[in-house]
């Protein structure tokens, strides 16, 4: 289980298996989004929802986004450890997803991911060097 603000666990996961429900969420994803094909072909899709009222707010920071992001990343890492593929999808029409999955008023759809065994092994993507993303004491000071 993922940590959360005051252990309130504001997130919920919907496991989407049926073609009817998958088709409902597919209409919410833009055609240009490569994740749409992954949702269409995966045996399962996971939709992450969160209740903003069940998490902390400090100033203009809503911690439900942090809490649910941590939970989703735990799911993605656990899936990867089991040899399963995922693809974090954050661009979609939230209202269409809410309607398709009967998500209650007040809850937000934060992200979704297909889940399944990949057809092919993906090659590692180029990553920035550590000194480009980690600094010591101050911005742009080498670690």
C-alpha atoms as a PDB file:
ATOM      1  CA  UNK A   1       0.000   0.000   0.000  1.00  0.00           C
ATOM      2  CA  UNK A   2       1.125   3.496  -0.781  1.00  0.00           C
ATOM      3  CA  UNK A   3       1.600   6.218   1.817  1.00  0.00           C
ATOM      4  CA  UNK A   4      -0.866   9.107   1.877  1.00  0.00           C
ATOM      5  CA  UNK A   5      -1.661  12.342   3.706  1.00  0.00           C
ATOM      6  CA  UNK A   6      -2.538  11.290   7.287  1.00  0.00           C
ATOM      7  CA  UNK A   7      -3.074   7.758   5.925  1.00  0.00           C
ATOM      8  CA  UNK A   8      -6.451   8.837   4.518  1.00  0.00           C
ATOM      9  CA  UNK A   9      -6.026   6.740   1.353  1.00  0.00           C
ATOM     10  CA  UNK A  10      -8.160   9.010  -0.815  1.00  0.00           C
ATOM     11  CA  UNK A  11      -7.694   6.888  -3.945  1.00  0.00           C
ATOM     12  CA  UNK A  12      -9.708   4.099  -5.505  1.00  0.00           C
ATOM     13  CA  UNK A  13      -8.790   1.864  -8.432  1.00  0.00           C
ATOM     14  CA  UNK A  14     -11.348   0.603 -10.929  1.00  0.00           C
ATOM     15  CA  UNK A  15     -10.272  -2.558 -12.743  1.00  0.00           C
ATOM     16  CA  UNK A  16     -11.834  -2.453 -16.201  1.00  0.00           C
ATOM     17  CA  UNK A  17     -12.100  -5.824 -17.956  1.00  0.00           C
ATOM     18  CA  UNK A  18     -15.283  -5.827 -20.033  1.00  0.00           C
ATOM     19  CA  UNK A  19     -15.281  -4.625 -23.623  1.00  0.00           C
ATOM     20  CA  UNK A  20     -18.271  -2.401 -22.847  1.00  0.00           C
ATOM     21  CA  UNK A  21     -16.463  -0.530 -20.077  1.00  0.00           C
ATOM     22  CA  UNK A  22     -13.200  -0.399 -22.039  1.00  0.00           C
ATOM     23  CA  UNK A  23     -15.037   1.071 -25.026  1.00  0.00           C
ATOM     24  CA  UNK A  24     -16.570   3.657 -22.707  1.00  0.00           C
ATOM     25  CA  UNK A  25     -13.195   4.897 -21.524  1.00  0.00           C
ATOM     26  CA  UNK A  26     -11.629   4.633 -24.989  1.00  0.00           C
ATOM     27  CA  UNK A  27     -13.972   7.341 -26.245  1.00  0.00           C
ATOM     28  CA  UNK A  28     -12.449   9.660 -23.633  1.00  0.00           C
ATOM     29  CA  UNK A  29      -8.889   9.293 -24.949  1.00  0.00           C
ATOM     30  CA  UNK A  30      -7.817  11.418 -27.945  1.00  0.00           C
ATOM     31  CA  UNK A  31      -6.991   9.407 -31.068  1.00  0.00           C
ATOM     32  CA  UNK A  32      -3.501  10.959 -31.192  1.00  0.00           C
ATOM     33  CA  UNK A  33      -2.657   9.523 -27.758  1.00  0.00           C
ATOM     34  CA  UNK A  34      -0.623   6.298 -28.230  1.00  0.00           C
ATOM     35  CA  UNK A  35      -2.034   5.039 -24.948  1.00  0.00           C
ATOM     36  CA  UNK A  36      -5.427   4.622 -26.610  1.00  0.00           C
ATOM     37  CA  UNK A  37      -4.233   1.612 -28.616  1.00  0.00           C
ATOM     38  CA  UNK A  38      -2.660   0.141 -25.495  1.00  0.00           C
ATOM     39  CA  UNK A  39      -5.968   0.411 -23.594  1.00  0.00           C
ATOM     40  CA  UNK A  40      -7.814  -1.127 -26.554  1.00  0.00           C
ATOM     41  CA  UNK A  41      -5.517  -4.150 -26.787  1.00  0.00           C
ATOM     42  CA  UNK A  42      -4.681  -4.793 -23.123  1.00  0.00           C
ATOM     43  CA  UNK A  43      -6.742  -7.369 -21.241  1.00  0.00           C
ATOM     44  CA  UNK A  44      -7.229  -4.947 -18.353  1.00  0.00           C
ATOM     45  CA  UNK A  45      -7.265  -1.196 -17.781  1.00  0.00           C
ATOM     46  CA  UNK A  46      -6.859   0.383 -14.362  1.00  0.00           C
ATOM     47  CA  UNK A  47      -8.538   3.730 -13.709  1.00  0.00           C
ATOM     48  CA  UNK A  48      -7.311   5.751 -10.737  1.00  0.00           C
ATOM     49  CA  UNK A  49      -9.832   7.969  -8.962  1.00  0.00           C
ATOM     50  CA  UNK A  50      -9.417  10.203  -5.927  1.00  0.00           C
ATOM     51  CA  UNK A  51     -11.647  12.110  -3.542  1.00  0.00           C
ATOM     52  CA  UNK A  52     -10.203  15.609  -3.066  1.00  0.00           C
ATOM     53  CA  UNK A  53     -12.208  15.972   0.158  1.00  0.00           C
ATOM     54  CA  UNK A  54     -10.499  12.924   1.659  1.00  0.00           C
ATOM     55  CA  UNK A  55      -7.012  14.342   1.469  1.00  0.00           C
ATOM     56  CA  UNK A  56      -5.157  17.375   2.672  1.00  0.00           C
ATOM     57  CA  UNK A  57      -5.143  20.896   1.311  1.00  0.00           C
ATOM     58  CA  UNK A  58      -2.525  23.473   2.224  1.00  0.00           C
ATOM     59  CA  UNK A  59      -2.879  26.782   0.459  1.00  0.00           C
ATOM     60  CA  UNK A  60      -3.319  25.972  -3.214  1.00  0.00           C
ATOM     61  CA  UNK A  61      -1.853  22.456  -2.918  1.00  0.00           C
ATOM     62  CA  UNK A  62      -4.318  19.614  -3.140  1.00  0.00           C
ATOM     63  CA  UNK A  63      -2.628  16.505  -1.817  1.00  0.00           C
ATOM     64  CA  UNK A  64      -5.046  14.072  -3.448  1.00  0.00           C
ATOM     65  CA  UNK A  65      -2.954  14.472  -6.606  1.00  0.00           C
ATOM     66  CA  UNK A  66       0.232  13.589  -4.738  1.00  0.00           C
ATOM     67  CA  UNK A  67      -1.412  10.752  -2.802  1.00  0.00           C
ATOM     68  CA  UNK A  68      -3.015   9.173  -5.849  1.00  0.00           C
ATOM     69  CA  UNK A  69       0.139   9.646  -7.925  1.00  0.00           C
ATOM     70  CA  UNK A  70       2.127   7.735  -5.321  1.00  0.00           C
ATOM     71  CA  UNK A  71      -0.475   4.954  -5.302  1.00  0.00           C
ATOM     72  CA  UNK A  72      -0.464   4.695  -9.097  1.00  0.00           C
ATOM     73  CA  UNK A  73       3.314   4.597  -9.240  1.00  0.00           C
ATOM     74  CA  UNK A  74       3.345   1.796  -6.659  1.00  0.00           C
ATOM     75  CA  UNK A  75       0.944  -0.117  -8.926  1.00  0.00           C
ATOM     76  CA  UNK A  76       3.129   0.542 -11.986  1.00  0.00           C
ATOM     77  CA  UNK A  77       6.285  -0.601 -10.170  1.00  0.00           C
ATOM     78  CA  UNK A  78       4.595  -3.731  -8.816  1.00  0.00           C
ATOM     79  CA  UNK A  79       3.284  -4.564 -12.290  1.00  0.00           C
ATOM     80  CA  UNK A  80       6.734  -4.108 -13.796  1.00  0.00           C
ATOM     81  CA  UNK A  81       8.246  -6.393 -11.163  1.00  0.00           C
ATOM     82  CA  UNK A  82       5.810  -9.088 -12.330  1.00  0.00           C
ATOM     83  CA  UNK A  83       6.706  -8.587 -15.998  1.00  0.00           C
ATOM     84  CA  UNK A  84       3.521  -6.662 -16.797  1.00  0.00           C
ATOM     85  CA  UNK A  85       3.437  -3.587 -18.997  1.00  0.00           C
ATOM     86  CA  UNK A  86       1.738  -0.291 -18.217  1.00  0.00           C
ATOM     87  CA  UNK A  87       1.396   3.119 -19.844  1.00  0.00           C
ATOM     88  CA  UNK A  88       0.457   6.040 -17.618  1.00  0.00           C
ATOM     89  CA  UNK A  89      -2.347   7.967 -19.348  1.00  0.00           C
ATOM     90  CA  UNK A  90      -3.291  11.402 -18.071  1.00  0.00           C
ATOM     91  CA  UNK A  91      -4.867  13.009 -21.139  1.00  0.00           C
ATOM     92  CA  UNK A  92      -8.552  12.120 -21.431  1.00  0.00           C
ATOM     93  CA  UNK A  93     -12.009  13.645 -21.072  1.00  0.00           C
ATOM     94  CA  UNK A  94     -12.696  13.124 -17.396  1.00  0.00           C
ATOM     95  CA  UNK A  95     -16.472  13.526 -17.709  1.00  0.00           C
ATOM     96  CA  UNK A  96     -16.702  10.734 -20.284  1.00  0.00           C
ATOM     97  CA  UNK A  97     -14.734   8.383 -18.010  1.00  0.00           C
ATOM     98  CA  UNK A  98     -16.890   9.331 -15.013  1.00  0.00           C
ATOM     99  CA  UNK A  99     -20.046   8.604 -16.960  1.00  0.00           C
ATOM    100  CA  UNK A 100     -18.780   5.318 -18.421  1.00  0.00           C
ATOM    101  CA  UNK A 101     -17.725   3.962 -15.025  1.00  0.00           C
ATOM    102  CA  UNK A 102     -20.451   5.489 -12.800  1.00  0.00           C
ATOM    103  CA  UNK A 103     -17.921   7.416 -10.720  1.00  0.00           C
ATOM    104  CA  UNK A 104     -19.645   9.377  -7.932  1.00  0.00           C
ATOM    105  CA  UNK A 105     -19.940  13.158  -7.927  1.00  0.00           C
ATOM    106  CA  UNK A 106     -16.995  14.812  -6.210  1.00  0.00           C
ATOM    107  CA  UNK A 107     -14.492  12.137  -7.185  1.00  0.00           C
ATOM    108  CA  UNK A 108     -11.784  12.938  -9.745  1.00  0.00           C
ATOM    109  CA  UNK A 109     -10.322  10.685 -12.400  1.00  0.00           C
ATOM    110  CA  UNK A 110      -6.577  11.192 -12.047  1.00  0.00           C
ATOM    111  CA  UNK A 111      -5.020   8.697 -14.459  1.00  0.00           C
ATOM    112  CA  UNK A 112      -5.404   5.334 -16.120  1.00  0.00           C
ATOM    113  CA  UNK A 113      -3.153   2.606 -17.434  1.00  0.00           C
ATOM    114  CA  UNK A 114      -3.473  -0.502 -19.533  1.00  0.00           C
ATOM    115  CA  UNK A 115      -2.178  -3.615 -17.801  1.00  0.00           C
ATOM    116  CA  UNK A 116      -0.956  -6.765 -19.486  1.00  0.00           C
ATOM    117  CA  UNK A 117       2.028  -8.675 -20.757  1.00  0.00           C
ATOM    118  CA  UNK A 118       3.777  -6.650 -23.478  1.00  0.00           C
ATOM    119  CA  UNK A 119       3.848  -8.022 -27.035  1.00  0.00           C
ATOM    120  CA  UNK A 120       7.508  -7.135 -27.311  1.00  0.00           C
ATOM    121  CA  UNK A 121      10.367  -6.154 -25.062  1.00  0.00           C
ATOM    122  CA  UNK A 122      10.856  -2.400 -25.070  1.00  0.00           C
ATOM    123  CA  UNK A 123      14.327  -0.961 -25.319  1.00  0.00           C
ATOM    124  CA  UNK A 124      15.526   1.405 -22.594  1.00  0.00           C
ATOM    125  CA  UNK A 125      14.756   5.038 -23.297  1.00  0.00           C
ATOM    126  CA  UNK A 126      17.473   7.662 -23.020  1.00  0.00           C
ATOM    127  CA  UNK A 127      17.570   9.269 -19.588  1.00  0.00           C
ATOM    128  CA  UNK A 128      19.146  12.522 -18.470  1.00  0.00           C
ATOM    129  CA  UNK A 129      22.439  12.295 -16.636  1.00  0.00           C
ATOM    130  CA  UNK A 130      22.189  12.381 -12.870  1.00  0.00           C
ATOM    131  CA  UNK A 131      24.002  15.742 -12.661  1.00  0.00           C
ATOM    132  CA  UNK A 132      21.239  17.262 -14.807  1.00  0.00           C
ATOM    133  CA  UNK A 133      18.484  16.356 -12.362  1.00  0.00           C
ATOM    134  CA  UNK A 134      20.142  16.163  -8.922  1.00  0.00           C
ATOM    135  CA  UNK A 135      21.827  19.170  -7.342  1.00  0.00           C
ATOM    136  CA  UNK A 136      23.714  19.655  -4.108  1.00  0.00           C
ATOM    137  CA  UNK A 137      22.532  22.380  -1.754  1.00  0.00           C
ATOM    138  CA  UNK A 138      21.469  24.813  -4.525  1.00  0.00           C
ATOM    139  CA  UNK A 139      20.055  24.752  -8.042  1.00  0.00           C
ATOM    140  CA  UNK A 140      22.595  23.790 -10.720  1.00  0.00           C
ATOM    141  CA  UNK A 141      25.352  23.008  -8.219  1.00  0.00           C
ATOM    142  CA  UNK A 142      27.010  19.700  -9.026  1.00  0.00           C
ATOM    143  CA  UNK A 143      26.423  16.843  -6.678  1.00  0.00           C
END
